[in-house]
């Protein structure tokens, strides 16, 4: 069995569970996930909305309309907070009760946090 990165394992898991579409916004914190999306080729369609909230609502709407699992991916921090309104509106609803809605926020790599490389250095 080949060794997979977390991003590759995430994509393979989505595919094994029958997902063929992900609503996602690219960003620094999920670059590796988008690489895995690219390598999935025609097996996975990635829809790029203009806002994190839209990604979450698109996944939620698709889950409710089809009864099939749906997923969205955003960057951590403000990205996940922007998606929060869709998450909170349906936190006790049918999509979450039946496991039809998956969010995948990115995160800052531990090495980047240790080296403080995510902050802008001022001169």
PDB file of N, CA and C in Angstrom:
ATOM      1  N   UNK A   1       0.850  -1.178   0.000  1.00  0.00           N
ATOM      2  CA  UNK A   1       0.000   0.000   0.000  1.00  0.00           C
ATOM      3  C   UNK A   1       0.896   1.242   0.000  1.00  0.00           C
ATOM      4  N   UNK A   2       0.687   2.140  -0.965  1.00  0.00           N
ATOM      5  CA  UNK A   2       1.531   3.334  -1.024  1.00  0.00           C
ATOM      6  C   UNK A   2       1.258   4.280   0.143  1.00  0.00           C
ATOM      7  N   UNK A   3       2.273   4.991   0.532  1.00  0.00           N
ATOM      8  CA  UNK A   3       2.126   5.978   1.597  1.00  0.00           C
ATOM      9  C   UNK A   3       1.551   7.255   0.988  1.00  0.00           C
ATOM     10  N   UNK A   4       0.483   7.773   1.575  1.00  0.00           N
ATOM     11  CA  UNK A   4      -0.193   8.962   1.063  1.00  0.00           C
ATOM     12  C   UNK A   4       0.033  10.142   1.987  1.00  0.00           C
ATOM     13  N   UNK A   5       0.019  11.329   1.417  1.00  0.00           N
ATOM     14  CA  UNK A   5       0.002  12.535   2.232  1.00  0.00           C
ATOM     15  C   UNK A   5      -1.405  12.690   2.805  1.00  0.00           C
ATOM     16  N   UNK A   6      -1.567  13.574   3.760  1.00  0.00           N
ATOM     17  CA  UNK A   6      -2.895  13.827   4.326  1.00  0.00           C
ATOM     18  C   UNK A   6      -3.850  14.313   3.240  1.00  0.00           C
ATOM     19  N   UNK A   7      -3.373  15.180   2.364  1.00  0.00           N
ATOM     20  CA  UNK A   7      -4.214  15.696   1.276  1.00  0.00           C
ATOM     21  C   UNK A   7      -4.638  14.573   0.333  1.00  0.00           C
ATOM     22  N   UNK A   8      -3.702  13.708  -0.042  1.00  0.00           N
ATOM     23  CA  UNK A   8      -4.030  12.592  -0.935  1.00  0.00           C
ATOM     24  C   UNK A   8      -5.014  11.628  -0.269  1.00  0.00           C
ATOM     25  N   UNK A   9      -4.806  11.365   1.017  1.00  0.00           N
ATOM     26  CA  UNK A   9      -5.715  10.481   1.742  1.00  0.00           C
ATOM     27  C   UNK A   9      -7.113  11.095   1.848  1.00  0.00           C
ATOM     28  N   UNK A  10      -7.178  12.406   2.019  1.00  0.00           N
ATOM     29  CA  UNK A  10      -8.468  13.095   2.075  1.00  0.00           C
ATOM     30  C   UNK A  10      -9.217  12.933   0.760  1.00  0.00           C
ATOM     31  N   UNK A  11      -8.521  13.179  -0.351  1.00  0.00           N
ATOM     32  CA  UNK A  11      -9.153  13.058  -1.667  1.00  0.00           C
ATOM     33  C   UNK A  11      -9.591  11.612  -1.929  1.00  0.00           C
ATOM     34  N   UNK A  12      -8.742  10.647  -1.618  1.00  0.00           N
ATOM     35  CA  UNK A  12      -9.101   9.241  -1.824  1.00  0.00           C
ATOM     36  C   UNK A  12     -10.309   8.851  -0.974  1.00  0.00           C
ATOM     37  N   UNK A  13     -10.380   9.366   0.246  1.00  0.00           N
ATOM     38  CA  UNK A  13     -11.518   9.075   1.111  1.00  0.00           C
ATOM     39  C   UNK A  13     -12.800   9.670   0.546  1.00  0.00           C
ATOM     40  N   UNK A  14     -12.732  10.904   0.061  1.00  0.00           N
ATOM     41  CA  UNK A  14     -13.908  11.513  -0.561  1.00  0.00           C
ATOM     42  C   UNK A  14     -14.382  10.677  -1.748  1.00  0.00           C
ATOM     43  N   UNK A  15     -13.444  10.257  -2.580  1.00  0.00           N
ATOM     44  CA  UNK A  15     -13.791   9.463  -3.764  1.00  0.00           C
ATOM     45  C   UNK A  15     -14.380   8.111  -3.366  1.00  0.00           C
ATOM     46  N   UNK A  16     -13.822   7.470  -2.375  1.00  0.00           N
ATOM     47  CA  UNK A  16     -14.330   6.159  -1.933  1.00  0.00           C
ATOM     48  C   UNK A  16     -15.730   6.259  -1.349  1.00  0.00           C
ATOM     49  N   UNK A  17     -16.072   7.429  -0.837  1.00  0.00           N
ATOM     50  CA  UNK A  17     -17.418   7.629  -0.299  1.00  0.00           C
ATOM     51  C   UNK A  17     -18.386   8.172  -1.351  1.00  0.00           C
ATOM     52  N   UNK A  18     -17.967   8.163  -2.594  1.00  0.00           N
ATOM     53  CA  UNK A  18     -18.866   8.522  -3.685  1.00  0.00           C
ATOM     54  C   UNK A  18     -18.960   9.995  -4.015  1.00  0.00           C
ATOM     55  N   UNK A  19     -18.133  10.825  -3.418  1.00  0.00           N
ATOM     56  CA  UNK A  19     -18.174  12.251  -3.752  1.00  0.00           C
ATOM     57  C   UNK A  19     -17.454  12.481  -5.068  1.00  0.00           C
ATOM     58  N   UNK A  20     -18.056  13.283  -5.909  1.00  0.00           N
ATOM     59  CA  UNK A  20     -17.416  13.607  -7.182  1.00  0.00           C
ATOM     60  C   UNK A  20     -17.229  15.110  -7.361  1.00  0.00           C
ATOM     61  N   UNK A  21     -17.676  15.890  -6.377  1.00  0.00           N
ATOM     62  CA  UNK A  21     -17.581  17.346  -6.447  1.00  0.00           C
ATOM     63  C   UNK A  21     -17.171  17.891  -5.082  1.00  0.00           C
ATOM     64  N   UNK A  22     -16.284  18.888  -5.094  1.00  0.00           N
ATOM     65  CA  UNK A  22     -15.894  19.608  -3.885  1.00  0.00           C
ATOM     66  C   UNK A  22     -16.020  21.095  -4.185  1.00  0.00           C
ATOM     67  N   UNK A  23     -16.620  21.831  -3.281  1.00  0.00           N
ATOM     68  CA  UNK A  23     -16.743  23.278  -3.394  1.00  0.00           C
ATOM     69  C   UNK A  23     -15.611  23.858  -2.562  1.00  0.00           C
ATOM     70  N   UNK A  24     -14.654  24.527  -3.203  1.00  0.00           N
ATOM     71  CA  UNK A  24     -13.439  24.873  -2.467  1.00  0.00           C
ATOM     72  C   UNK A  24     -12.811  26.172  -2.947  1.00  0.00           C
ATOM     73  N   UNK A  25     -12.257  26.895  -1.980  1.00  0.00           N
ATOM     74  CA  UNK A  25     -11.479  28.098  -2.261  1.00  0.00           C
ATOM     75  C   UNK A  25     -10.017  27.808  -1.983  1.00  0.00           C
ATOM     76  N   UNK A  26      -9.152  28.057  -2.956  1.00  0.00           N
ATOM     77  CA  UNK A  26      -7.729  27.818  -2.714  1.00  0.00           C
ATOM     78  C   UNK A  26      -7.126  28.904  -1.832  1.00  0.00           C
ATOM     79  N   UNK A  27      -6.083  28.538  -1.142  1.00  0.00           N
ATOM     80  CA  UNK A  27      -5.352  29.478  -0.305  1.00  0.00           C
ATOM     81  C   UNK A  27      -4.054  28.840   0.140  1.00  0.00           C
ATOM     82  N   UNK A  28      -3.205  29.621   0.722  1.00  0.00           N
ATOM     83  CA  UNK A  28      -1.896  29.145   1.145  1.00  0.00           C
ATOM     84  C   UNK A  28      -1.986  27.899   2.018  1.00  0.00           C
ATOM     85  N   UNK A  29      -2.978  27.837   2.881  1.00  0.00           N
ATOM     86  CA  UNK A  29      -3.066  26.754   3.848  1.00  0.00           C
ATOM     87  C   UNK A  29      -3.608  25.465   3.273  1.00  0.00           C
ATOM     88  N   UNK A  30      -4.149  25.480   2.070  1.00  0.00           N
ATOM     89  CA  UNK A  30      -4.632  24.231   1.484  1.00  0.00           C
ATOM     90  C   UNK A  30      -4.052  23.964   0.100  1.00  0.00           C
ATOM     91  N   UNK A  31      -2.849  24.480  -0.151  1.00  0.00           N
ATOM     92  CA  UNK A  31      -2.170  24.236  -1.433  1.00  0.00           C
ATOM     93  C   UNK A  31      -1.999  22.747  -1.711  1.00  0.00           C
ATOM     94  N   UNK A  32      -1.593  21.987  -0.700  1.00  0.00           N
ATOM     95  CA  UNK A  32      -1.372  20.557  -0.916  1.00  0.00           C
ATOM     96  C   UNK A  32      -2.683  19.836  -1.220  1.00  0.00           C
ATOM     97  N   UNK A  33      -3.776  20.299  -0.641  1.00  0.00           N
ATOM     98  CA  UNK A  33      -5.074  19.716  -0.947  1.00  0.00           C
ATOM     99  C   UNK A  33      -5.436  19.979  -2.405  1.00  0.00           C
ATOM    100  N   UNK A  34      -5.163  21.179  -2.892  1.00  0.00           N
ATOM    101  CA  UNK A  34      -5.460  21.481  -4.289  1.00  0.00           C
ATOM    102  C   UNK A  34      -4.544  20.714  -5.237  1.00  0.00           C
ATOM    103  N   UNK A  35      -3.328  20.426  -4.823  1.00  0.00           N
ATOM    104  CA  UNK A  35      -2.463  19.547  -5.619  1.00  0.00           C
ATOM    105  C   UNK A  35      -3.100  18.163  -5.730  1.00  0.00           C
ATOM    106  N   UNK A  36      -3.621  17.660  -4.622  1.00  0.00           N
ATOM    107  CA  UNK A  36      -4.278  16.351  -4.633  1.00  0.00           C
ATOM    108  C   UNK A  36      -5.545  16.379  -5.482  1.00  0.00           C
ATOM    109  N   UNK A  37      -6.298  17.484  -5.434  1.00  0.00           N
ATOM    110  CA  UNK A  37      -7.467  17.631  -6.302  1.00  0.00           C
ATOM    111  C   UNK A  37      -7.028  17.535  -7.760  1.00  0.00           C
ATOM    112  N   UNK A  38      -5.964  18.222  -8.114  1.00  0.00           N
ATOM    113  CA  UNK A  38      -5.457  18.223  -9.491  1.00  0.00           C
ATOM    114  C   UNK A  38      -5.081  16.808  -9.932  1.00  0.00           C
ATOM    115  N   UNK A  39      -4.390  16.084  -9.068  1.00  0.00           N
ATOM    116  CA  UNK A  39      -3.942  14.739  -9.428  1.00  0.00           C
ATOM    117  C   UNK A  39      -5.092  13.735  -9.477  1.00  0.00           C
ATOM    118  N   UNK A  40      -6.226  14.072  -8.871  1.00  0.00           N
ATOM    119  CA  UNK A  40      -7.395  13.195  -8.969  1.00  0.00           C
ATOM    120  C   UNK A  40      -7.988  13.242 -10.367  1.00  0.00           C
ATOM    121  N   UNK A  41      -7.624  14.255 -11.134  1.00  0.00           N
ATOM    122  CA  UNK A  41      -8.057  14.348 -12.526  1.00  0.00           C
ATOM    123  C   UNK A  41      -9.559  14.446 -12.677  1.00  0.00           C
ATOM    124  N   UNK A  42     -10.086  13.671 -13.609  1.00  0.00           N
ATOM    125  CA  UNK A  42     -11.512  13.722 -13.916  1.00  0.00           C
ATOM    126  C   UNK A  42     -12.378  13.022 -12.870  1.00  0.00           C
ATOM    127  N   UNK A  43     -11.766  12.388 -11.897  1.00  0.00           N
ATOM    128  CA  UNK A  43     -12.551  11.689 -10.873  1.00  0.00           C
ATOM    129  C   UNK A  43     -13.200  12.657  -9.893  1.00  0.00           C
ATOM    130  N   UNK A  44     -12.679  13.885  -9.813  1.00  0.00           N
ATOM    131  CA  UNK A  44     -13.183  14.857  -8.841  1.00  0.00           C
ATOM    132  C   UNK A  44     -13.277  16.240  -9.489  1.00  0.00           C
ATOM    133  N   UNK A  45     -14.461  16.823  -9.420  1.00  0.00           N
ATOM    134  CA  UNK A  45     -14.677  18.166  -9.949  1.00  0.00           C
ATOM    135  C   UNK A  45     -14.568  19.163  -8.801  1.00  0.00           C
ATOM    136  N   UNK A  46     -13.793  20.212  -9.004  1.00  0.00           N
ATOM    137  CA  UNK A  46     -13.631  21.250  -7.980  1.00  0.00           C
ATOM    138  C   UNK A  46     -14.307  22.515  -8.482  1.00  0.00           C
ATOM    139  N   UNK A  47     -15.259  23.005  -7.716  1.00  0.00           N
ATOM    140  CA  UNK A  47     -15.962  24.246  -8.057  1.00  0.00           C
ATOM    141  C   UNK A  47     -15.414  25.337  -7.149  1.00  0.00           C
ATOM    142  N   UNK A  48     -14.973  26.445  -7.765  1.00  0.00           N
ATOM    143  CA  UNK A  48     -14.348  27.551  -7.043  1.00  0.00           C
ATOM    144  C   UNK A  48     -15.320  28.727  -6.904  1.00  0.00           C
ATOM    145  N   UNK A  49     -16.050  28.812  -5.805  1.00  0.00           N
ATOM    146  CA  UNK A  49     -16.886  29.997  -5.592  1.00  0.00           C
ATOM    147  C   UNK A  49     -16.010  31.194  -5.229  1.00  0.00           C
ATOM    148  N   UNK A  50     -16.601  32.347  -5.105  1.00  0.00           N
ATOM    149  CA  UNK A  50     -15.834  33.562  -4.807  1.00  0.00           C
ATOM    150  C   UNK A  50     -15.702  33.855  -3.316  1.00  0.00           C
ATOM    151  N   UNK A  51     -16.408  33.108  -2.482  1.00  0.00           N
ATOM    152  CA  UNK A  51     -16.381  33.392  -1.045  1.00  0.00           C
ATOM    153  C   UNK A  51     -16.570  32.090  -0.278  1.00  0.00           C
ATOM    154  N   UNK A  52     -15.978  32.009   0.911  1.00  0.00           N
ATOM    155  CA  UNK A  52     -16.067  30.806   1.737  1.00  0.00           C
ATOM    156  C   UNK A  52     -17.504  30.476   2.098  1.00  0.00           C
ATOM    157  N   UNK A  53     -18.293  31.513   2.385  1.00  0.00           N
ATOM    158  CA  UNK A  53     -19.683  31.296   2.740  1.00  0.00           C
ATOM    159  C   UNK A  53     -20.427  30.630   1.581  1.00  0.00           C
ATOM    160  N   UNK A  54     -20.112  31.048   0.372  1.00  0.00           N
ATOM    161  CA  UNK A  54     -20.742  30.455  -0.806  1.00  0.00           C
ATOM    162  C   UNK A  54     -20.366  28.989  -0.941  1.00  0.00           C
ATOM    163  N   UNK A  55     -19.104  28.646  -0.688  1.00  0.00           N
ATOM    164  CA  UNK A  55     -18.674  27.248  -0.765  1.00  0.00           C
ATOM    165  C   UNK A  55     -19.483  26.393   0.202  1.00  0.00           C
ATOM    166  N   UNK A  56     -19.649  26.880   1.423  1.00  0.00           N
ATOM    167  CA  UNK A  56     -20.391  26.129   2.433  1.00  0.00           C
ATOM    168  C   UNK A  56     -21.863  25.994   2.055  1.00  0.00           C
ATOM    169  N   UNK A  57     -22.473  27.088   1.598  1.00  0.00           N
ATOM    170  CA  UNK A  57     -23.886  27.018   1.214  1.00  0.00           C
ATOM    171  C   UNK A  57     -24.090  26.147  -0.015  1.00  0.00           C
ATOM    172  N   UNK A  58     -23.156  26.155  -0.963  1.00  0.00           N
ATOM    173  CA  UNK A  58     -23.282  25.295  -2.142  1.00  0.00           C
ATOM    174  C   UNK A  58     -23.246  23.824  -1.738  1.00  0.00           C
ATOM    175  N   UNK A  59     -22.317  23.467  -0.853  1.00  0.00           N
ATOM    176  CA  UNK A  59     -22.238  22.081  -0.391  1.00  0.00           C
ATOM    177  C   UNK A  59     -23.491  21.696   0.389  1.00  0.00           C
ATOM    178  N   UNK A  60     -23.947  22.587   1.246  1.00  0.00           N
ATOM    179  CA  UNK A  60     -25.151  22.327   2.024  1.00  0.00           C
ATOM    180  C   UNK A  60     -26.363  22.161   1.114  1.00  0.00           C
ATOM    181  N   UNK A  61     -26.530  23.075   0.156  1.00  0.00           N
ATOM    182  CA  UNK A  61     -27.660  22.987  -0.774  1.00  0.00           C
ATOM    183  C   UNK A  61     -27.636  21.714  -1.597  1.00  0.00           C
ATOM    184  N   UNK A  62     -26.444  21.331  -2.067  1.00  0.00           N
ATOM    185  CA  UNK A  62     -26.325  20.103  -2.853  1.00  0.00           C
ATOM    186  C   UNK A  62     -26.645  18.878  -2.000  1.00  0.00           C
ATOM    187  N   UNK A  63     -26.211  18.876  -0.744  1.00  0.00           N
ATOM    188  CA  UNK A  63     -26.501  17.749   0.149  1.00  0.00           C
ATOM    189  C   UNK A  63     -28.000  17.629   0.399  1.00  0.00           C
ATOM    190  N   UNK A  64     -28.652  18.751   0.643  1.00  0.00           N
ATOM    191  CA  UNK A  64     -30.093  18.724   0.909  1.00  0.00           C
ATOM    192  C   UNK A  64     -30.890  18.373  -0.347  1.00  0.00           C
ATOM    193  N   UNK A  65     -30.431  18.853  -1.513  1.00  0.00           N
ATOM    194  CA  UNK A  65     -31.162  18.601  -2.755  1.00  0.00           C
ATOM    195  C   UNK A  65     -31.009  17.161  -3.249  1.00  0.00           C
ATOM    196  N   UNK A  66     -29.829  16.586  -3.047  1.00  0.00           N
ATOM    197  CA  UNK A  66     -29.569  15.258  -3.598  1.00  0.00           C
ATOM    198  C   UNK A  66     -29.666  14.133  -2.571  1.00  0.00           C
ATOM    199  N   UNK A  67     -29.519  14.465  -1.293  1.00  0.00           N
ATOM    200  CA  UNK A  67     -29.463  13.435  -0.274  1.00  0.00           C
ATOM    201  C   UNK A  67     -28.140  12.693  -0.267  1.00  0.00           C
ATOM    202  N   UNK A  68     -27.170  13.201  -1.017  1.00  0.00           N
ATOM    203  CA  UNK A  68     -25.849  12.585  -1.114  1.00  0.00           C
ATOM    204  C   UNK A  68     -24.828  13.426  -0.350  1.00  0.00           C
ATOM    205  N   UNK A  69     -23.762  12.798   0.142  1.00  0.00           N
ATOM    206  CA  UNK A  69     -22.722  13.564   0.838  1.00  0.00           C
ATOM    207  C   UNK A  69     -22.102  14.614  -0.070  1.00  0.00           C
ATOM    208  N   UNK A  70     -21.751  15.752   0.500  1.00  0.00           N
ATOM    209  CA  UNK A  70     -21.096  16.843  -0.209  1.00  0.00           C
ATOM    210  C   UNK A  70     -19.977  17.381   0.664  1.00  0.00           C
ATOM    211  N   UNK A  71     -19.001  18.051   0.059  1.00  0.00           N
ATOM    212  CA  UNK A  71     -17.864  18.562   0.832  1.00  0.00           C
ATOM    213  C   UNK A  71     -17.478  19.953   0.357  1.00  0.00           C
ATOM    214  N   UNK A  72     -16.935  20.732   1.303  1.00  0.00           N
ATOM    215  CA  UNK A  72     -16.339  22.010   0.937  1.00  0.00           C
ATOM    216  C   UNK A  72     -15.021  22.154   1.669  1.00  0.00           C
ATOM    217  N   UNK A  73     -14.121  22.959   1.108  1.00  0.00           N
ATOM    218  CA  UNK A  73     -12.812  23.182   1.711  1.00  0.00           C
ATOM    219  C   UNK A  73     -12.495  24.669   1.668  1.00  0.00           C
ATOM    220  N   UNK A  74     -12.043  25.188   2.801  1.00  0.00           N
ATOM    221  CA  UNK A  74     -11.658  26.597   2.909  1.00  0.00           C
ATOM    222  C   UNK A  74     -10.384  26.689   3.744  1.00  0.00           C
ATOM    223  N   UNK A  75      -9.792  27.857   3.791  1.00  0.00           N
ATOM    224  CA  UNK A  75      -8.608  28.062   4.622  1.00  0.00           C
ATOM    225  C   UNK A  75      -9.053  28.252   6.073  1.00  0.00           C
ATOM    226  N   UNK A  76      -8.139  28.028   7.033  1.00  0.00           N
ATOM    227  CA  UNK A  76      -8.507  28.185   8.438  1.00  0.00           C
ATOM    228  C   UNK A  76      -8.681  29.652   8.810  1.00  0.00           C
ATOM    229  N   UNK A  77      -9.088  29.880  10.027  1.00  0.00           N
ATOM    230  CA  UNK A  77      -9.233  31.254  10.523  1.00  0.00           C
ATOM    231  C   UNK A  77     -10.417  31.937   9.882  1.00  0.00           C
ATOM    232  N   UNK A  78     -10.176  33.076   9.204  1.00  0.00           N
ATOM    233  CA  UNK A  78     -11.281  33.822   8.606  1.00  0.00           C
ATOM    234  C   UNK A  78     -12.077  33.012   7.585  1.00  0.00           C
ATOM    235  N   UNK A  79     -11.402  32.123   6.864  1.00  0.00           N
ATOM    236  CA  UNK A  79     -12.109  31.309   5.877  1.00  0.00           C
ATOM    237  C   UNK A  79     -13.152  30.419   6.525  1.00  0.00           C
ATOM    238  N   UNK A  80     -12.752  29.738   7.583  1.00  0.00           N
ATOM    239  CA  UNK A  80     -13.696  28.866   8.275  1.00  0.00           C
ATOM    240  C   UNK A  80     -14.776  29.685   8.982  1.00  0.00           C
ATOM    241  N   UNK A  81     -14.401  30.838   9.527  1.00  0.00           N
ATOM    242  CA  UNK A  81     -15.398  31.697  10.168  1.00  0.00           C
ATOM    243  C   UNK A  81     -16.410  32.220   9.157  1.00  0.00           C
ATOM    244  N   UNK A  82     -15.947  32.574   7.962  1.00  0.00           N
ATOM    245  CA  UNK A  82     -16.874  33.025   6.921  1.00  0.00           C
ATOM    246  C   UNK A  82     -17.852  31.923   6.525  1.00  0.00           C
ATOM    247  N   UNK A  83     -17.415  30.692   6.581  1.00  0.00           N
ATOM    248  CA  UNK A  83     -18.293  29.565   6.252  1.00  0.00           C
ATOM    249  C   UNK A  83     -19.231  29.238   7.409  1.00  0.00           C
ATOM    250  N   UNK A  84     -18.994  29.848   8.557  1.00  0.00           N
ATOM    251  CA  UNK A  84     -19.737  29.520   9.764  1.00  0.00           C
ATOM    252  C   UNK A  84     -21.224  29.750   9.706  1.00  0.00           C
ATOM    253  N   UNK A  85     -21.675  30.719   8.934  1.00  0.00           N
ATOM    254  CA  UNK A  85     -23.121  30.964   8.905  1.00  0.00           C
ATOM    255  C   UNK A  85     -23.857  29.774   8.314  1.00  0.00           C
ATOM    256  N   UNK A  86     -23.313  29.181   7.282  1.00  0.00           N
ATOM    257  CA  UNK A  86     -23.954  27.991   6.712  1.00  0.00           C
ATOM    258  C   UNK A  86     -23.873  26.831   7.691  1.00  0.00           C
ATOM    259  N   UNK A  87     -22.735  26.713   8.360  1.00  0.00           N
ATOM    260  CA  UNK A  87     -22.574  25.637   9.343  1.00  0.00           C
ATOM    261  C   UNK A  87     -23.562  25.805  10.494  1.00  0.00           C
ATOM    262  N   UNK A  88     -23.724  27.039  10.984  1.00  0.00           N
ATOM    263  CA  UNK A  88     -24.592  27.253  12.138  1.00  0.00           C
ATOM    264  C   UNK A  88     -26.062  27.139  11.780  1.00  0.00           C
ATOM    265  N   UNK A  89     -26.437  27.517  10.578  1.00  0.00           N
ATOM    266  CA  UNK A  89     -27.837  27.419  10.180  1.00  0.00           C
ATOM    267  C   UNK A  89     -28.320  25.989  10.153  1.00  0.00           C
ATOM    268  N   UNK A  90     -27.392  25.077   9.899  1.00  0.00           N
ATOM    269  CA  UNK A  90     -27.822  23.700   9.752  1.00  0.00           C
ATOM    270  C   UNK A  90     -27.190  22.775  10.774  1.00  0.00           C
ATOM    271  N   UNK A  91     -26.726  23.316  11.884  1.00  0.00           N
ATOM    272  CA  UNK A  91     -25.988  22.470  12.823  1.00  0.00           C
ATOM    273  C   UNK A  91     -26.840  21.353  13.397  1.00  0.00           C
ATOM    274  N   UNK A  92     -28.128  21.508  13.459  1.00  0.00           N
ATOM    275  CA  UNK A  92     -28.979  20.435  13.978  1.00  0.00           C
ATOM    276  C   UNK A  92     -29.910  19.894  12.899  1.00  0.00           C
ATOM    277  N   UNK A  93     -29.655  20.229  11.652  1.00  0.00           N
ATOM    278  CA  UNK A  93     -30.551  19.844  10.563  1.00  0.00           C
ATOM    279  C   UNK A  93     -30.214  18.514   9.926  1.00  0.00           C
ATOM    280  N   UNK A  94     -30.949  18.201   8.888  1.00  0.00           N
ATOM    281  CA  UNK A  94     -30.864  16.889   8.239  1.00  0.00           C
ATOM    282  C   UNK A  94     -29.499  16.592   7.640  1.00  0.00           C
ATOM    283  N   UNK A  95     -28.849  17.573   7.053  1.00  0.00           N
ATOM    284  CA  UNK A  95     -27.582  17.303   6.381  1.00  0.00           C
ATOM    285  C   UNK A  95     -26.531  16.812   7.364  1.00  0.00           C
ATOM    286  N   UNK A  96     -26.440  17.441   8.517  1.00  0.00           N
ATOM    287  CA  UNK A  96     -25.439  17.017   9.495  1.00  0.00           C
ATOM    288  C   UNK A  96     -25.872  15.760  10.223  1.00  0.00           C
ATOM    289  N   UNK A  97     -27.153  15.607  10.493  1.00  0.00           N
ATOM    290  CA  UNK A  97     -27.634  14.420  11.193  1.00  0.00           C
ATOM    291  C   UNK A  97     -27.347  13.156  10.402  1.00  0.00           C
ATOM    292  N   UNK A  98     -27.380  13.250   9.106  1.00  0.00           N
ATOM    293  CA  UNK A  98     -27.168  12.078   8.259  1.00  0.00           C
ATOM    294  C   UNK A  98     -25.758  12.027   7.687  1.00  0.00           C
ATOM    295  N   UNK A  99     -24.870  12.876   8.173  1.00  0.00           N
ATOM    296  CA  UNK A  99     -23.489  12.850   7.718  1.00  0.00           C
ATOM    297  C   UNK A  99     -23.318  13.241   6.266  1.00  0.00           C
ATOM    298  N   UNK A 100     -24.151  14.148   5.776  1.00  0.00           N
ATOM    299  CA  UNK A 100     -24.108  14.510   4.367  1.00  0.00           C
ATOM    300  C   UNK A 100     -23.249  15.723   4.065  1.00  0.00           C
ATOM    301  N   UNK A 101     -22.637  16.320   5.065  1.00  0.00           N
ATOM    302  CA  UNK A 101     -21.976  17.603   4.858  1.00  0.00           C
ATOM    303  C   UNK A 101     -20.629  17.576   5.528  1.00  0.00           C
ATOM    304  N   UNK A 102     -19.569  17.772   4.761  1.00  0.00           N
ATOM    305  CA  UNK A 102     -18.208  17.650   5.263  1.00  0.00           C
ATOM    306  C   UNK A 102     -17.467  18.954   5.034  1.00  0.00           C
ATOM    307  N   UNK A 103     -16.843  19.505   6.069  1.00  0.00           N
ATOM    308  CA  UNK A 103     -16.005  20.687   5.873  1.00  0.00           C
ATOM    309  C   UNK A 103     -14.552  20.294   6.091  1.00  0.00           C
ATOM    310  N   UNK A 104     -13.677  20.852   5.269  1.00  0.00           N
ATOM    311  CA  UNK A 104     -12.252  20.523   5.357  1.00  0.00           C
ATOM    312  C   UNK A 104     -11.432  21.807   5.388  1.00  0.00           C
ATOM    313  N   UNK A 105     -11.315  22.428   6.565  1.00  0.00           N
ATOM    314  CA  UNK A 105     -10.483  23.632   6.622  1.00  0.00           C
ATOM    315  C   UNK A 105      -9.011  23.256   6.576  1.00  0.00           C
ATOM    316  N   UNK A 106      -8.206  24.074   5.937  1.00  0.00           N
ATOM    317  CA  UNK A 106      -6.772  23.844   5.932  1.00  0.00           C
ATOM    318  C   UNK A 106      -6.181  24.223   7.274  1.00  0.00           C
ATOM    319  N   UNK A 107      -4.868  24.108   7.374  1.00  0.00           N
ATOM    320  CA  UNK A 107      -4.212  24.566   8.601  1.00  0.00           C
ATOM    321  C   UNK A 107      -2.778  24.921   8.292  1.00  0.00           C
ATOM    322  N   UNK A 108      -2.205  25.718   9.139  1.00  0.00           N
ATOM    323  CA  UNK A 108      -0.810  26.117   8.978  1.00  0.00           C
ATOM    324  C   UNK A 108       0.057  24.937   9.402  1.00  0.00           C
ATOM    325  N   UNK A 109       1.063  24.612   8.593  1.00  0.00           N
ATOM    326  CA  UNK A 109       1.963  23.509   8.915  1.00  0.00           C
ATOM    327  C   UNK A 109       2.719  23.800  10.205  1.00  0.00           C
ATOM    328  N   UNK A 110       2.968  22.745  10.978  1.00  0.00           N
ATOM    329  CA  UNK A 110       3.668  22.924  12.254  1.00  0.00           C
ATOM    330  C   UNK A 110       5.042  23.546  12.070  1.00  0.00           C
ATOM    331  N   UNK A 111       5.757  23.160  11.009  1.00  0.00           N
ATOM    332  CA  UNK A 111       7.089  23.736  10.795  1.00  0.00           C
ATOM    333  C   UNK A 111       6.989  25.236  10.532  1.00  0.00           C
ATOM    334  N   UNK A 112       5.907  25.660   9.864  1.00  0.00           N
ATOM    335  CA  UNK A 112       5.736  27.081   9.573  1.00  0.00           C
ATOM    336  C   UNK A 112       5.441  27.853  10.854  1.00  0.00           C
ATOM    337  N   UNK A 113       4.665  27.244  11.765  1.00  0.00           N
ATOM    338  CA  UNK A 113       4.380  27.910  13.033  1.00  0.00           C
ATOM    339  C   UNK A 113       5.653  28.011  13.872  1.00  0.00           C
ATOM    340  N   UNK A 114       6.447  26.957  13.846  1.00  0.00           N
ATOM    341  CA  UNK A 114       7.673  26.937  14.648  1.00  0.00           C
ATOM    342  C   UNK A 114       8.680  27.973  14.159  1.00  0.00           C
ATOM    343  N   UNK A 115       8.684  28.222  12.859  1.00  0.00           N
ATOM    344  CA  UNK A 115       9.633  29.176  12.294  1.00  0.00           C
ATOM    345  C   UNK A 115       9.032  30.558  12.074  1.00  0.00           C
ATOM    346  N   UNK A 116       7.772  30.723  12.482  1.00  0.00           N
ATOM    347  CA  UNK A 116       7.098  32.010  12.350  1.00  0.00           C
ATOM    348  C   UNK A 116       7.116  32.513  10.917  1.00  0.00           C
ATOM    349  N   UNK A 117       7.083  31.593   9.952  1.00  0.00           N
ATOM    350  CA  UNK A 117       7.175  31.985   8.545  1.00  0.00           C
ATOM    351  C   UNK A 117       5.872  32.493   7.974  1.00  0.00           C
ATOM    352  N   UNK A 118       4.794  32.402   8.732  1.00  0.00           N
ATOM    353  CA  UNK A 118       3.515  32.879   8.221  1.00  0.00           C
ATOM    354  C   UNK A 118       3.302  34.365   8.487  1.00  0.00           C
ATOM    355  N   UNK A 119       4.178  34.979   9.230  1.00  0.00           N
ATOM    356  CA  UNK A 119       4.026  36.401   9.539  1.00  0.00           C
ATOM    357  C   UNK A 119       4.909  37.232   8.617  1.00  0.00           C
ATOM    358  N   UNK A 120       4.434  38.409   8.297  1.00  0.00           N
ATOM    359  CA  UNK A 120       5.206  39.323   7.467  1.00  0.00           C
ATOM    360  C   UNK A 120       6.272  39.996   8.318  1.00  0.00           C
ATOM    361  N   UNK A 121       7.485  39.911   7.867  1.00  0.00           N
ATOM    362  CA  UNK A 121       8.580  40.548   8.584  1.00  0.00           C
ATOM    363  C   UNK A 121       8.700  42.009   8.136  1.00  0.00           C
ATOM    364  N   UNK A 122       8.778  42.897   9.064  1.00  0.00           N
ATOM    365  CA  UNK A 122       8.922  44.321   8.732  1.00  0.00           C
ATOM    366  C   UNK A 122      10.320  44.763   9.146  1.00  0.00           C
ATOM    367  N   UNK A 123      10.918  45.495   8.228  1.00  0.00           N
ATOM    368  CA  UNK A 123      12.230  45.842   8.329  1.00  0.00           C
ATOM    369  C   UNK A 123      13.018  46.598   9.149  1.00  0.00           C
TER     370      UNK A 123
END
